[in-house]
């Protein structure tokens, strides 16, 4: 090997060590024939193995979580099978040898094969190991957060949507499609949805957004009507937040849609009943005023008559 090639090899080795150190990645090397295992200092630290003991297959097996051992063993067999040579990375749990703590690790591995009279045979299995416990915790927290959000949205009968201002592309959800009377797997465009708005509702929504932006707000909401496939109009509530690009231009609008038709119709019925009640009360008061006026006139001539005015069988003035 010439001097330049040797220099490049040393430089590459330094770069590899720096990369592995920065990413906190350990290296393992398993000799299939001798069953010997070599673990780097970082790999030993991840597993909680002491630095001065030999690493055996049994030691690594016992450090693997019992629930994950069947899966990791099956993956190793596929990697060592010359007909498969699987190289897919996989994660699993370990139980640290020093303190019994359960941790998540990510393993990358690749088998090296040699030719024999019987065909190819795996001679070594080399790979890396990385502790990903913190990443797993974040992923779990995110899944739980998304689950809580989905349950809250379903309980409130809401649908999430996202609108790209530049392309006018809308990202819908099965819940939103159903609110518009569409198939759950439909891919409507913004114009498809606007075509279902009631008369004048598109302008109402635009005005709500423009008013909020003019006041320096990024959030707005508005009630509007849509038309069902049967032609009937129903009420929806839109709540949205405008996201701006670094240059200040409008980028995206993210929001939720809520079906408020039942509550709106209930409020309209109550308003109608109150209006009817007020009308009847006014009519009753008019009758009372008329009777009272007549009674006062009659009472001027005959005060005793005041005690005989009845409304629906009940004395209105004085005693019967």
C-alpha atoms as a PDB file:
ATOM      1  CA  UNK A   1       0.000   0.000   0.000  1.00  0.00           C
ATOM      2  CA  UNK A   2       1.485   3.372  -0.980  1.00  0.00           C
ATOM      3  CA  UNK A   3       1.843   6.269   1.395  1.00  0.00           C
ATOM      4  CA  UNK A   4      -1.128   8.268   0.025  1.00  0.00           C
ATOM      5  CA  UNK A   5      -3.488   5.308   0.237  1.00  0.00           C
ATOM      6  CA  UNK A   6      -2.315   4.578   3.773  1.00  0.00           C
ATOM      7  CA  UNK A   7      -2.878   8.236   4.718  1.00  0.00           C
ATOM      8  CA  UNK A   8      -6.429   8.183   3.287  1.00  0.00           C
ATOM      9  CA  UNK A   9      -7.155   4.979   5.197  1.00  0.00           C
ATOM     10  CA  UNK A  10      -6.043   6.540   8.472  1.00  0.00           C
ATOM     11  CA  UNK A  11      -8.096   9.678   7.779  1.00  0.00           C
ATOM     12  CA  UNK A  12     -11.187   7.630   7.000  1.00  0.00           C
ATOM     13  CA  UNK A  13     -10.674   5.666  10.207  1.00  0.00           C
ATOM     14  CA  UNK A  14     -10.493   8.902  12.206  1.00  0.00           C
ATOM     15  CA  UNK A  15     -13.644  10.230  10.519  1.00  0.00           C
ATOM     16  CA  UNK A  16     -15.480   7.007  11.302  1.00  0.00           C
ATOM     17  CA  UNK A  17     -14.470   7.116  14.967  1.00  0.00           C
ATOM     18  CA  UNK A  18     -15.561  10.754  15.230  1.00  0.00           C
ATOM     19  CA  UNK A  19     -18.908   9.995  13.623  1.00  0.00           C
ATOM     20  CA  UNK A  20     -19.541   7.002  15.871  1.00  0.00           C
ATOM     21  CA  UNK A  21     -18.561   9.013  18.939  1.00  0.00           C
ATOM     22  CA  UNK A  22     -20.783  11.937  18.000  1.00  0.00           C
ATOM     23  CA  UNK A  23     -23.763   9.673  17.403  1.00  0.00           C
ATOM     24  CA  UNK A  24     -22.942   7.577  20.489  1.00  0.00           C
ATOM     25  CA  UNK A  25     -22.945   4.417  18.389  1.00  0.00           C
ATOM     26  CA  UNK A  26     -21.259   1.208  19.478  1.00  0.00           C
ATOM     27  CA  UNK A  27     -19.840  -1.533  17.242  1.00  0.00           C
ATOM     28  CA  UNK A  28     -20.183  -5.288  17.644  1.00  0.00           C
ATOM     29  CA  UNK A  29     -18.522  -8.120  15.730  1.00  0.00           C
ATOM     30  CA  UNK A  30     -19.699 -11.713  16.063  1.00  0.00           C
ATOM     31  CA  UNK A  31     -17.571 -14.596  14.787  1.00  0.00           C
ATOM     32  CA  UNK A  32     -20.012 -17.300  13.741  1.00  0.00           C
ATOM     33  CA  UNK A  33     -17.418 -20.122  13.791  1.00  0.00           C
ATOM     34  CA  UNK A  34     -15.914 -19.433  17.229  1.00  0.00           C
ATOM     35  CA  UNK A  35     -19.052 -17.730  18.681  1.00  0.00           C
ATOM     36  CA  UNK A  36     -16.717 -15.035  19.989  1.00  0.00           C
ATOM     37  CA  UNK A  37     -18.052 -11.498  20.225  1.00  0.00           C
ATOM     38  CA  UNK A  38     -16.161  -8.242  20.260  1.00  0.00           C
ATOM     39  CA  UNK A  39     -17.934  -5.153  21.605  1.00  0.00           C
ATOM     40  CA  UNK A  40     -16.534  -1.622  21.470  1.00  0.00           C
ATOM     41  CA  UNK A  41     -16.374   0.484  24.635  1.00  0.00           C
ATOM     42  CA  UNK A  42     -19.549   2.317  23.614  1.00  0.00           C
ATOM     43  CA  UNK A  43     -21.396  -0.952  22.908  1.00  0.00           C
ATOM     44  CA  UNK A  44     -20.362  -2.315  26.317  1.00  0.00           C
ATOM     45  CA  UNK A  45     -21.536   0.900  27.966  1.00  0.00           C
ATOM     46  CA  UNK A  46     -24.946   0.672  26.268  1.00  0.00           C
ATOM     47  CA  UNK A  47     -25.481  -2.874  27.517  1.00  0.00           C
ATOM     48  CA  UNK A  48     -23.924  -2.228  30.925  1.00  0.00           C
ATOM     49  CA  UNK A  49     -21.222  -4.847  30.325  1.00  0.00           C
ATOM     50  CA  UNK A  50     -17.972  -4.509  32.316  1.00  0.00           C
ATOM     51  CA  UNK A  51     -14.891  -3.640  30.272  1.00  0.00           C
ATOM     52  CA  UNK A  52     -12.771  -6.519  31.484  1.00  0.00           C
ATOM     53  CA  UNK A  53     -14.971  -9.544  30.747  1.00  0.00           C
ATOM     54  CA  UNK A  54     -15.332 -11.447  27.480  1.00  0.00           C
ATOM     55  CA  UNK A  55     -18.603 -10.943  25.610  1.00  0.00           C
ATOM     56  CA  UNK A  56     -20.354 -14.221  24.872  1.00  0.00           C
ATOM     57  CA  UNK A  57     -23.463 -15.097  22.922  1.00  0.00           C
ATOM     58  CA  UNK A  58     -25.125 -16.157  26.177  1.00  0.00           C
ATOM     59  CA  UNK A  59     -24.331 -12.806  27.788  1.00  0.00           C
ATOM     60  CA  UNK A  60     -25.917 -10.880  24.930  1.00  0.00           C
ATOM     61  CA  UNK A  61     -28.888 -13.259  24.829  1.00  0.00           C
ATOM     62  CA  UNK A  62     -29.553 -12.792  28.543  1.00  0.00           C
ATOM     63  CA  UNK A  63     -29.353  -9.010  28.152  1.00  0.00           C
ATOM     64  CA  UNK A  64     -32.075  -9.050  25.491  1.00  0.00           C
ATOM     65  CA  UNK A  65     -35.600  -8.479  26.794  1.00  0.00           C
ATOM     66  CA  UNK A  66     -37.384 -11.871  26.963  1.00  0.00           C
ATOM     67  CA  UNK A  67     -40.367 -10.566  25.003  1.00  0.00           C
ATOM     68  CA  UNK A  68     -38.111  -9.358  22.166  1.00  0.00           C
ATOM     69  CA  UNK A  69     -35.681 -12.295  22.073  1.00  0.00           C
ATOM     70  CA  UNK A  70     -37.738 -14.487  19.675  1.00  0.00           C
ATOM     71  CA  UNK A  71     -37.970 -11.629  17.190  1.00  0.00           C
ATOM     72  CA  UNK A  72     -34.296 -10.650  17.328  1.00  0.00           C
ATOM     73  CA  UNK A  73     -33.263 -14.304  17.001  1.00  0.00           C
ATOM     74  CA  UNK A  74     -35.462 -14.708  13.933  1.00  0.00           C
ATOM     75  CA  UNK A  75     -34.010 -11.533  12.388  1.00  0.00           C
ATOM     76  CA  UNK A  76     -30.459 -12.758  13.021  1.00  0.00           C
ATOM     77  CA  UNK A  77     -31.243 -16.055  11.299  1.00  0.00           C
ATOM     78  CA  UNK A  78     -32.532 -14.182   8.254  1.00  0.00           C
ATOM     79  CA  UNK A  79     -29.370 -12.064   8.181  1.00  0.00           C
ATOM     80  CA  UNK A  80     -27.160 -15.189   8.303  1.00  0.00           C
ATOM     81  CA  UNK A  81     -29.176 -17.032   5.687  1.00  0.00           C
ATOM     82  CA  UNK A  82     -27.259 -16.776   2.337  1.00  0.00           C
ATOM     83  CA  UNK A  83     -30.560 -16.954   0.477  1.00  0.00           C
ATOM     84  CA  UNK A  84     -31.899 -13.880   2.310  1.00  0.00           C
ATOM     85  CA  UNK A  85     -28.977 -11.814   3.681  1.00  0.00           C
ATOM     86  CA  UNK A  86     -31.344  -9.443   5.445  1.00  0.00           C
ATOM     87  CA  UNK A  87     -29.853  -6.074   6.389  1.00  0.00           C
ATOM     88  CA  UNK A  88     -32.935  -4.284   7.718  1.00  0.00           C
ATOM     89  CA  UNK A  89     -32.241  -2.338  10.953  1.00  0.00           C
ATOM     90  CA  UNK A  90     -34.385  -3.242  13.937  1.00  0.00           C
ATOM     91  CA  UNK A  91     -35.080  -1.931  17.406  1.00  0.00           C
ATOM     92  CA  UNK A  92     -35.626  -3.915  20.563  1.00  0.00           C
ATOM     93  CA  UNK A  93     -35.369  -3.711  24.325  1.00  0.00           C
ATOM     94  CA  UNK A  94     -32.433  -4.704  26.464  1.00  0.00           C
ATOM     95  CA  UNK A  95     -32.048  -5.149  30.206  1.00  0.00           C
ATOM     96  CA  UNK A  96     -28.782  -3.557  31.249  1.00  0.00           C
ATOM     97  CA  UNK A  97     -26.427  -6.035  32.896  1.00  0.00           C
ATOM     98  CA  UNK A  98     -25.255  -3.578  35.562  1.00  0.00           C
ATOM     99  CA  UNK A  99     -28.477  -2.085  36.933  1.00  0.00           C
ATOM    100  CA  UNK A 100     -31.354  -4.045  35.366  1.00  0.00           C
ATOM    101  CA  UNK A 101     -32.723  -0.940  33.624  1.00  0.00           C
ATOM    102  CA  UNK A 102     -34.789  -1.530  30.494  1.00  0.00           C
ATOM    103  CA  UNK A 103     -33.559   0.467  27.480  1.00  0.00           C
ATOM    104  CA  UNK A 104     -34.407   0.636  23.785  1.00  0.00           C
ATOM    105  CA  UNK A 105     -31.646   0.084  21.227  1.00  0.00           C
ATOM    106  CA  UNK A 106     -31.417   0.287  17.435  1.00  0.00           C
ATOM    107  CA  UNK A 107     -29.253  -2.324  15.702  1.00  0.00           C
ATOM    108  CA  UNK A 108     -27.817  -2.338  12.189  1.00  0.00           C
ATOM    109  CA  UNK A 109     -26.145  -5.525  11.047  1.00  0.00           C
ATOM    110  CA  UNK A 110     -24.689  -7.206   7.991  1.00  0.00           C
ATOM    111  CA  UNK A 111     -23.310 -10.715   7.627  1.00  0.00           C
ATOM    112  CA  UNK A 112     -20.099 -11.545   5.781  1.00  0.00           C
ATOM    113  CA  UNK A 113     -20.125 -14.765   3.764  1.00  0.00           C
ATOM    114  CA  UNK A 114     -17.408 -17.139   2.559  1.00  0.00           C
ATOM    115  CA  UNK A 115     -17.602 -19.697  -0.203  1.00  0.00           C
ATOM    116  CA  UNK A 116     -17.340 -23.372   0.695  1.00  0.00           C
ATOM    117  CA  UNK A 117     -17.909 -26.613  -1.108  1.00  0.00           C
ATOM    118  CA  UNK A 118     -21.467 -26.555   0.204  1.00  0.00           C
ATOM    119  CA  UNK A 119     -22.029 -22.975  -0.976  1.00  0.00           C
ATOM    120  CA  UNK A 120     -21.972 -19.655   0.827  1.00  0.00           C
ATOM    121  CA  UNK A 121     -21.755 -19.679   4.618  1.00  0.00           C
ATOM    122  CA  UNK A 122     -21.900 -16.747   7.048  1.00  0.00           C
ATOM    123  CA  UNK A 123     -18.554 -16.273   8.758  1.00  0.00           C
ATOM    124  CA  UNK A 124     -19.092 -13.009  10.667  1.00  0.00           C
ATOM    125  CA  UNK A 125     -21.969 -10.770  11.662  1.00  0.00           C
ATOM    126  CA  UNK A 126     -20.920  -7.135  12.100  1.00  0.00           C
ATOM    127  CA  UNK A 127     -23.079  -4.225  13.163  1.00  0.00           C
ATOM    128  CA  UNK A 128     -23.734  -1.153  15.248  1.00  0.00           C
ATOM    129  CA  UNK A 129     -25.846  -0.508  18.324  1.00  0.00           C
ATOM    130  CA  UNK A 130     -27.357   2.773  19.482  1.00  0.00           C
ATOM    131  CA  UNK A 131     -29.390   3.670  22.574  1.00  0.00           C
ATOM    132  CA  UNK A 132     -32.686   5.211  21.400  1.00  0.00           C
ATOM    133  CA  UNK A 133     -34.591   5.184  24.696  1.00  0.00           C
ATOM    134  CA  UNK A 134     -35.162   8.959  24.695  1.00  0.00           C
ATOM    135  CA  UNK A 135     -36.372   8.873  21.097  1.00  0.00           C
ATOM    136  CA  UNK A 136     -38.774   6.065  21.954  1.00  0.00           C
ATOM    137  CA  UNK A 137     -40.111   8.072  24.889  1.00  0.00           C
ATOM    138  CA  UNK A 138     -40.753  11.063  22.627  1.00  0.00           C
ATOM    139  CA  UNK A 139     -42.467   8.853  20.054  1.00  0.00           C
ATOM    140  CA  UNK A 140     -44.658   7.308  22.752  1.00  0.00           C
ATOM    141  CA  UNK A 141     -45.577  10.732  24.134  1.00  0.00           C
ATOM    142  CA  UNK A 142     -46.432  11.879  20.616  1.00  0.00           C
ATOM    143  CA  UNK A 143     -48.629   8.831  20.016  1.00  0.00           C
ATOM    144  CA  UNK A 144     -50.447   9.414  23.288  1.00  0.00           C
ATOM    145  CA  UNK A 145     -50.896  13.097  22.467  1.00  0.00           C
ATOM    146  CA  UNK A 146     -52.283  12.233  19.037  1.00  0.00           C
ATOM    147  CA  UNK A 147     -54.605   9.670  20.615  1.00  0.00           C
ATOM    148  CA  UNK A 148     -55.934  12.207  23.121  1.00  0.00           C
ATOM    149  CA  UNK A 149     -56.377  14.737  20.334  1.00  0.00           C
ATOM    150  CA  UNK A 150     -58.210  12.230  18.135  1.00  0.00           C
ATOM    151  CA  UNK A 151     -60.517  11.195  20.974  1.00  0.00           C
ATOM    152  CA  UNK A 152     -61.255  14.829  21.789  1.00  0.00           C
ATOM    153  CA  UNK A 153     -61.976  15.595  18.142  1.00  0.00           C
ATOM    154  CA  UNK A 154     -64.238  12.570  17.808  1.00  0.00           C
ATOM    155  CA  UNK A 155     -66.076  13.409  21.038  1.00  0.00           C
ATOM    156  CA  UNK A 156     -66.655  16.974  19.851  1.00  0.00           C
ATOM    157  CA  UNK A 157     -67.623  15.742  16.360  1.00  0.00           C
ATOM    158  CA  UNK A 158     -64.915  17.827  14.741  1.00  0.00           C
ATOM    159  CA  UNK A 159     -62.853  17.340  11.590  1.00  0.00           C
ATOM    160  CA  UNK A 160     -59.284  18.580  11.022  1.00  0.00           C
ATOM    161  CA  UNK A 161     -58.201  20.177   7.741  1.00  0.00           C
ATOM    162  CA  UNK A 162     -55.221  22.020   6.257  1.00  0.00           C
ATOM    163  CA  UNK A 163     -55.163  24.462   3.347  1.00  0.00           C
ATOM    164  CA  UNK A 164     -52.120  25.480   1.287  1.00  0.00           C
ATOM    165  CA  UNK A 165     -52.690  29.108   0.294  1.00  0.00           C
ATOM    166  CA  UNK A 166     -50.287  29.158  -2.678  1.00  0.00           C
ATOM    167  CA  UNK A 167     -51.554  25.993  -4.360  1.00  0.00           C
ATOM    168  CA  UNK A 168     -55.102  26.071  -2.939  1.00  0.00           C
ATOM    169  CA  UNK A 169     -54.629  22.417  -2.055  1.00  0.00           C
ATOM    170  CA  UNK A 170     -56.675  21.183   0.869  1.00  0.00           C
ATOM    171  CA  UNK A 171     -55.876  18.172   3.005  1.00  0.00           C
ATOM    172  CA  UNK A 172     -59.081  16.646   4.279  1.00  0.00           C
ATOM    173  CA  UNK A 173     -59.950  13.774   6.599  1.00  0.00           C
ATOM    174  CA  UNK A 174     -62.656  11.091   6.521  1.00  0.00           C
ATOM    175  CA  UNK A 175     -64.557  13.065   9.185  1.00  0.00           C
ATOM    176  CA  UNK A 176     -64.496  16.237   7.105  1.00  0.00           C
ATOM    177  CA  UNK A 177     -65.592  14.391   3.965  1.00  0.00           C
ATOM    178  CA  UNK A 178     -68.560  12.957   5.829  1.00  0.00           C
ATOM    179  CA  UNK A 179     -69.538  16.432   7.056  1.00  0.00           C
ATOM    180  CA  UNK A 180     -69.780  17.537   3.436  1.00  0.00           C
ATOM    181  CA  UNK A 181     -71.754  14.447   2.459  1.00  0.00           C
ATOM    182  CA  UNK A 182     -68.809  12.905   0.603  1.00  0.00           C
ATOM    183  CA  UNK A 183     -67.316   9.415   0.719  1.00  0.00           C
ATOM    184  CA  UNK A 184     -64.791   8.988   3.591  1.00  0.00           C
ATOM    185  CA  UNK A 185     -61.939   8.315   1.121  1.00  0.00           C
ATOM    186  CA  UNK A 186     -62.817  11.188  -1.226  1.00  0.00           C
ATOM    187  CA  UNK A 187     -60.111  13.646  -2.351  1.00  0.00           C
ATOM    188  CA  UNK A 188     -62.080  16.844  -2.969  1.00  0.00           C
ATOM    189  CA  UNK A 189     -60.480  20.046  -4.191  1.00  0.00           C
ATOM    190  CA  UNK A 190     -61.159  23.374  -2.562  1.00  0.00           C
ATOM    191  CA  UNK A 191     -63.524  24.263  -5.394  1.00  0.00           C
ATOM    192  CA  UNK A 192     -65.411  20.998  -4.857  1.00  0.00           C
ATOM    193  CA  UNK A 193     -66.080  22.006  -1.260  1.00  0.00           C
ATOM    194  CA  UNK A 194     -66.898  25.628  -2.095  1.00  0.00           C
ATOM    195  CA  UNK A 195     -69.507  24.385  -4.535  1.00  0.00           C
ATOM    196  CA  UNK A 196     -71.345  22.937  -1.520  1.00  0.00           C
ATOM    197  CA  UNK A 197     -71.468  26.265   0.367  1.00  0.00           C
ATOM    198  CA  UNK A 198     -74.813  27.943   0.849  1.00  0.00           C
ATOM    199  CA  UNK A 199     -75.541  31.242  -0.950  1.00  0.00           C
ATOM    200  CA  UNK A 200     -73.186  34.017   0.177  1.00  0.00           C
ATOM    201  CA  UNK A 201     -71.263  31.778   2.597  1.00  0.00           C
ATOM    202  CA  UNK A 202     -67.960  31.870   0.704  1.00  0.00           C
ATOM    203  CA  UNK A 203     -67.877  35.662   0.975  1.00  0.00           C
ATOM    204  CA  UNK A 204     -68.724  35.400   4.686  1.00  0.00           C
ATOM    205  CA  UNK A 205     -65.740  33.135   5.351  1.00  0.00           C
ATOM    206  CA  UNK A 206     -63.396  35.338   3.321  1.00  0.00           C
ATOM    207  CA  UNK A 207     -64.563  38.394   5.249  1.00  0.00           C
ATOM    208  CA  UNK A 208     -63.974  36.674   8.595  1.00  0.00           C
ATOM    209  CA  UNK A 209     -60.386  35.827   7.607  1.00  0.00           C
ATOM    210  CA  UNK A 210     -59.678  39.286   6.176  1.00  0.00           C
ATOM    211  CA  UNK A 211     -61.074  41.023   9.256  1.00  0.00           C
ATOM    212  CA  UNK A 212     -58.902  38.927  11.586  1.00  0.00           C
ATOM    213  CA  UNK A 213     -55.751  39.589   9.550  1.00  0.00           C
ATOM    214  CA  UNK A 214     -56.502  43.317   9.340  1.00  0.00           C
ATOM    215  CA  UNK A 215     -56.673  43.395  13.150  1.00  0.00           C
ATOM    216  CA  UNK A 216     -53.359  41.567  13.454  1.00  0.00           C
ATOM    217  CA  UNK A 217     -54.997  38.301  14.499  1.00  0.00           C
ATOM    218  CA  UNK A 218     -54.027  34.920  13.116  1.00  0.00           C
ATOM    219  CA  UNK A 219     -57.088  33.053  14.372  1.00  0.00           C
ATOM    220  CA  UNK A 220     -60.664  33.397  13.228  1.00  0.00           C
ATOM    221  CA  UNK A 221     -63.934  31.520  13.296  1.00  0.00           C
ATOM    222  CA  UNK A 222     -67.230  31.707  11.471  1.00  0.00           C
ATOM    223  CA  UNK A 223     -70.519  29.867  11.193  1.00  0.00           C
ATOM    224  CA  UNK A 224     -71.699  29.030   7.703  1.00  0.00           C
ATOM    225  CA  UNK A 225     -74.180  26.825   5.876  1.00  0.00           C
ATOM    226  CA  UNK A 226     -73.553  23.984   3.450  1.00  0.00           C
ATOM    227  CA  UNK A 227     -75.874  22.089   1.176  1.00  0.00           C
ATOM    228  CA  UNK A 228     -76.443  18.377   1.650  1.00  0.00           C
ATOM    229  CA  UNK A 229     -76.834  16.035  -1.343  1.00  0.00           C
ATOM    230  CA  UNK A 230     -80.622  16.260  -0.840  1.00  0.00           C
ATOM    231  CA  UNK A 231     -80.430  20.057  -1.087  1.00  0.00           C
ATOM    232  CA  UNK A 232     -81.072  20.773   2.587  1.00  0.00           C
ATOM    233  CA  UNK A 233     -78.917  23.464   4.194  1.00  0.00           C
ATOM    234  CA  UNK A 234     -77.109  22.723   7.445  1.00  0.00           C
ATOM    235  CA  UNK A 235     -74.789  24.632   9.764  1.00  0.00           C
ATOM    236  CA  UNK A 236     -71.044  24.183  10.336  1.00  0.00           C
ATOM    237  CA  UNK A 237     -68.604  26.069  12.567  1.00  0.00           C
ATOM    238  CA  UNK A 238     -65.127  26.781  11.192  1.00  0.00           C
ATOM    239  CA  UNK A 239     -62.187  27.597  13.469  1.00  0.00           C
ATOM    240  CA  UNK A 240     -58.834  28.279  11.853  1.00  0.00           C
ATOM    241  CA  UNK A 241     -55.335  29.630  12.376  1.00  0.00           C
ATOM    242  CA  UNK A 242     -53.277  31.283   9.664  1.00  0.00           C
ATOM    243  CA  UNK A 243     -49.586  30.332   9.454  1.00  0.00           C
ATOM    244  CA  UNK A 244     -47.257  32.803   7.770  1.00  0.00           C
ATOM    245  CA  UNK A 245     -44.032  32.212   5.840  1.00  0.00           C
ATOM    246  CA  UNK A 246     -40.772  33.865   7.034  1.00  0.00           C
ATOM    247  CA  UNK A 247     -41.345  36.729   4.581  1.00  0.00           C
ATOM    248  CA  UNK A 248     -44.730  37.471   6.156  1.00  0.00           C
ATOM    249  CA  UNK A 249     -46.850  36.088   3.336  1.00  0.00           C
ATOM    250  CA  UNK A 250     -49.699  33.686   4.011  1.00  0.00           C
ATOM    251  CA  UNK A 251     -48.491  30.109   3.930  1.00  0.00           C
ATOM    252  CA  UNK A 252     -51.030  27.673   5.321  1.00  0.00           C
ATOM    253  CA  UNK A 253     -54.335  27.670   7.167  1.00  0.00           C
ATOM    254  CA  UNK A 254     -54.981  24.887   9.662  1.00  0.00           C
ATOM    255  CA  UNK A 255     -58.265  24.398  11.413  1.00  0.00           C
ATOM    256  CA  UNK A 256     -61.184  22.297  12.513  1.00  0.00           C
ATOM    257  CA  UNK A 257     -64.763  22.040  11.360  1.00  0.00           C
ATOM    258  CA  UNK A 258     -67.618  21.290  13.740  1.00  0.00           C
ATOM    259  CA  UNK A 259     -71.161  20.181  12.988  1.00  0.00           C
ATOM    260  CA  UNK A 260     -73.410  22.637  14.865  1.00  0.00           C
ATOM    261  CA  UNK A 261     -76.589  22.046  12.871  1.00  0.00           C
ATOM    262  CA  UNK A 262     -78.499  20.422  15.741  1.00  0.00           C
ATOM    263  CA  UNK A 263     -77.676  23.223  18.192  1.00  0.00           C
ATOM    264  CA  UNK A 264     -78.469  25.916  15.614  1.00  0.00           C
ATOM    265  CA  UNK A 265     -81.829  24.344  14.788  1.00  0.00           C
ATOM    266  CA  UNK A 266     -82.598  23.998  18.497  1.00  0.00           C
ATOM    267  CA  UNK A 267     -81.759  27.682  19.022  1.00  0.00           C
ATOM    268  CA  UNK A 268     -83.931  28.631  16.045  1.00  0.00           C
ATOM    269  CA  UNK A 269     -86.859  26.626  17.480  1.00  0.00           C
ATOM    270  CA  UNK A 270     -86.435  28.342  20.848  1.00  0.00           C
ATOM    271  CA  UNK A 271     -86.358  31.727  19.148  1.00  0.00           C
ATOM    272  CA  UNK A 272     -89.514  30.842  17.230  1.00  0.00           C
ATOM    273  CA  UNK A 273     -91.265  29.675  20.403  1.00  0.00           C
ATOM    274  CA  UNK A 274     -90.248  32.839  22.276  1.00  0.00           C
ATOM    275  CA  UNK A 275     -91.491  34.942  19.394  1.00  0.00           C
ATOM    276  CA  UNK A 276     -94.820  33.094  19.424  1.00  0.00           C
ATOM    277  CA  UNK A 277     -95.039  33.397  23.210  1.00  0.00           C
ATOM    278  CA  UNK A 278     -94.342  37.137  23.049  1.00  0.00           C
ATOM    279  CA  UNK A 279     -97.016  37.482  20.391  1.00  0.00           C
ATOM    280  CA  UNK A 280     -99.573  35.655  22.527  1.00  0.00           C
ATOM    281  CA  UNK A 281     -98.643  37.637  25.632  1.00  0.00           C
ATOM    282  CA  UNK A 282     -99.072  40.873  23.715  1.00  0.00           C
ATOM    283  CA  UNK A 283    -102.484  39.715  22.524  1.00  0.00           C
ATOM    284  CA  UNK A 284    -103.469  38.770  26.080  1.00  0.00           C
ATOM    285  CA  UNK A 285    -102.306  42.139  27.373  1.00  0.00           C
ATOM    286  CA  UNK A 286    -104.326  43.873  24.695  1.00  0.00           C
ATOM    287  CA  UNK A 287    -107.418  41.970  25.848  1.00  0.00           C
ATOM    288  CA  UNK A 288    -106.695  42.843  29.473  1.00  0.00           C
ATOM    289  CA  UNK A 289    -106.179  46.492  28.645  1.00  0.00           C
ATOM    290  CA  UNK A 290    -109.416  46.561  26.690  1.00  0.00           C
ATOM    291  CA  UNK A 291    -111.376  44.928  29.515  1.00  0.00           C
ATOM    292  CA  UNK A 292    -109.770  47.174  32.074  1.00  0.00           C
ATOM    293  CA  UNK A 293    -110.628  50.289  30.071  1.00  0.00           C
ATOM    294  CA  UNK A 294    -114.231  49.157  29.721  1.00  0.00           C
ATOM    295  CA  UNK A 295    -114.446  48.307  33.424  1.00  0.00           C
ATOM    296  CA  UNK A 296    -113.146  51.683  34.503  1.00  0.00           C
ATOM    297  CA  UNK A 297    -115.708  53.379  32.323  1.00  0.00           C
ATOM    298  CA  UNK A 298    -118.503  51.218  33.713  1.00  0.00           C
ATOM    299  CA  UNK A 299    -117.145  51.563  37.214  1.00  0.00           C
ATOM    300  CA  UNK A 300    -117.466  55.312  37.002  1.00  0.00           C
ATOM    301  CA  UNK A 301    -121.240  54.803  36.811  1.00  0.00           C
ATOM    302  CA  UNK A 302    -121.459  51.658  38.954  1.00  0.00           C
ATOM    303  CA  UNK A 303    -118.423  50.959  41.203  1.00  0.00           C
ATOM    304  CA  UNK A 304    -119.910  47.620  42.321  1.00  0.00           C
ATOM    305  CA  UNK A 305    -119.454  46.285  38.791  1.00  0.00           C
ATOM    306  CA  UNK A 306    -115.675  46.269  39.256  1.00  0.00           C
ATOM    307  CA  UNK A 307    -115.908  43.108  41.346  1.00  0.00           C
ATOM    308  CA  UNK A 308    -117.519  41.120  38.545  1.00  0.00           C
ATOM    309  CA  UNK A 309    -114.858  41.331  35.806  1.00  0.00           C
ATOM    310  CA  UNK A 310    -113.512  37.837  35.137  1.00  0.00           C
ATOM    311  CA  UNK A 311    -110.683  36.741  32.838  1.00  0.00           C
ATOM    312  CA  UNK A 312    -110.742  33.048  32.057  1.00  0.00           C
ATOM    313  CA  UNK A 313    -112.970  32.576  35.142  1.00  0.00           C
ATOM    314  CA  UNK A 314    -110.580  34.440  37.496  1.00  0.00           C
ATOM    315  CA  UNK A 315    -111.443  37.854  38.993  1.00  0.00           C
ATOM    316  CA  UNK A 316    -109.239  40.494  37.401  1.00  0.00           C
ATOM    317  CA  UNK A 317    -109.995  43.320  39.757  1.00  0.00           C
ATOM    318  CA  UNK A 318    -111.298  43.284  43.270  1.00  0.00           C
ATOM    319  CA  UNK A 319    -113.024  40.269  44.774  1.00  0.00           C
ATOM    320  CA  UNK A 320    -115.678  38.110  43.090  1.00  0.00           C
END
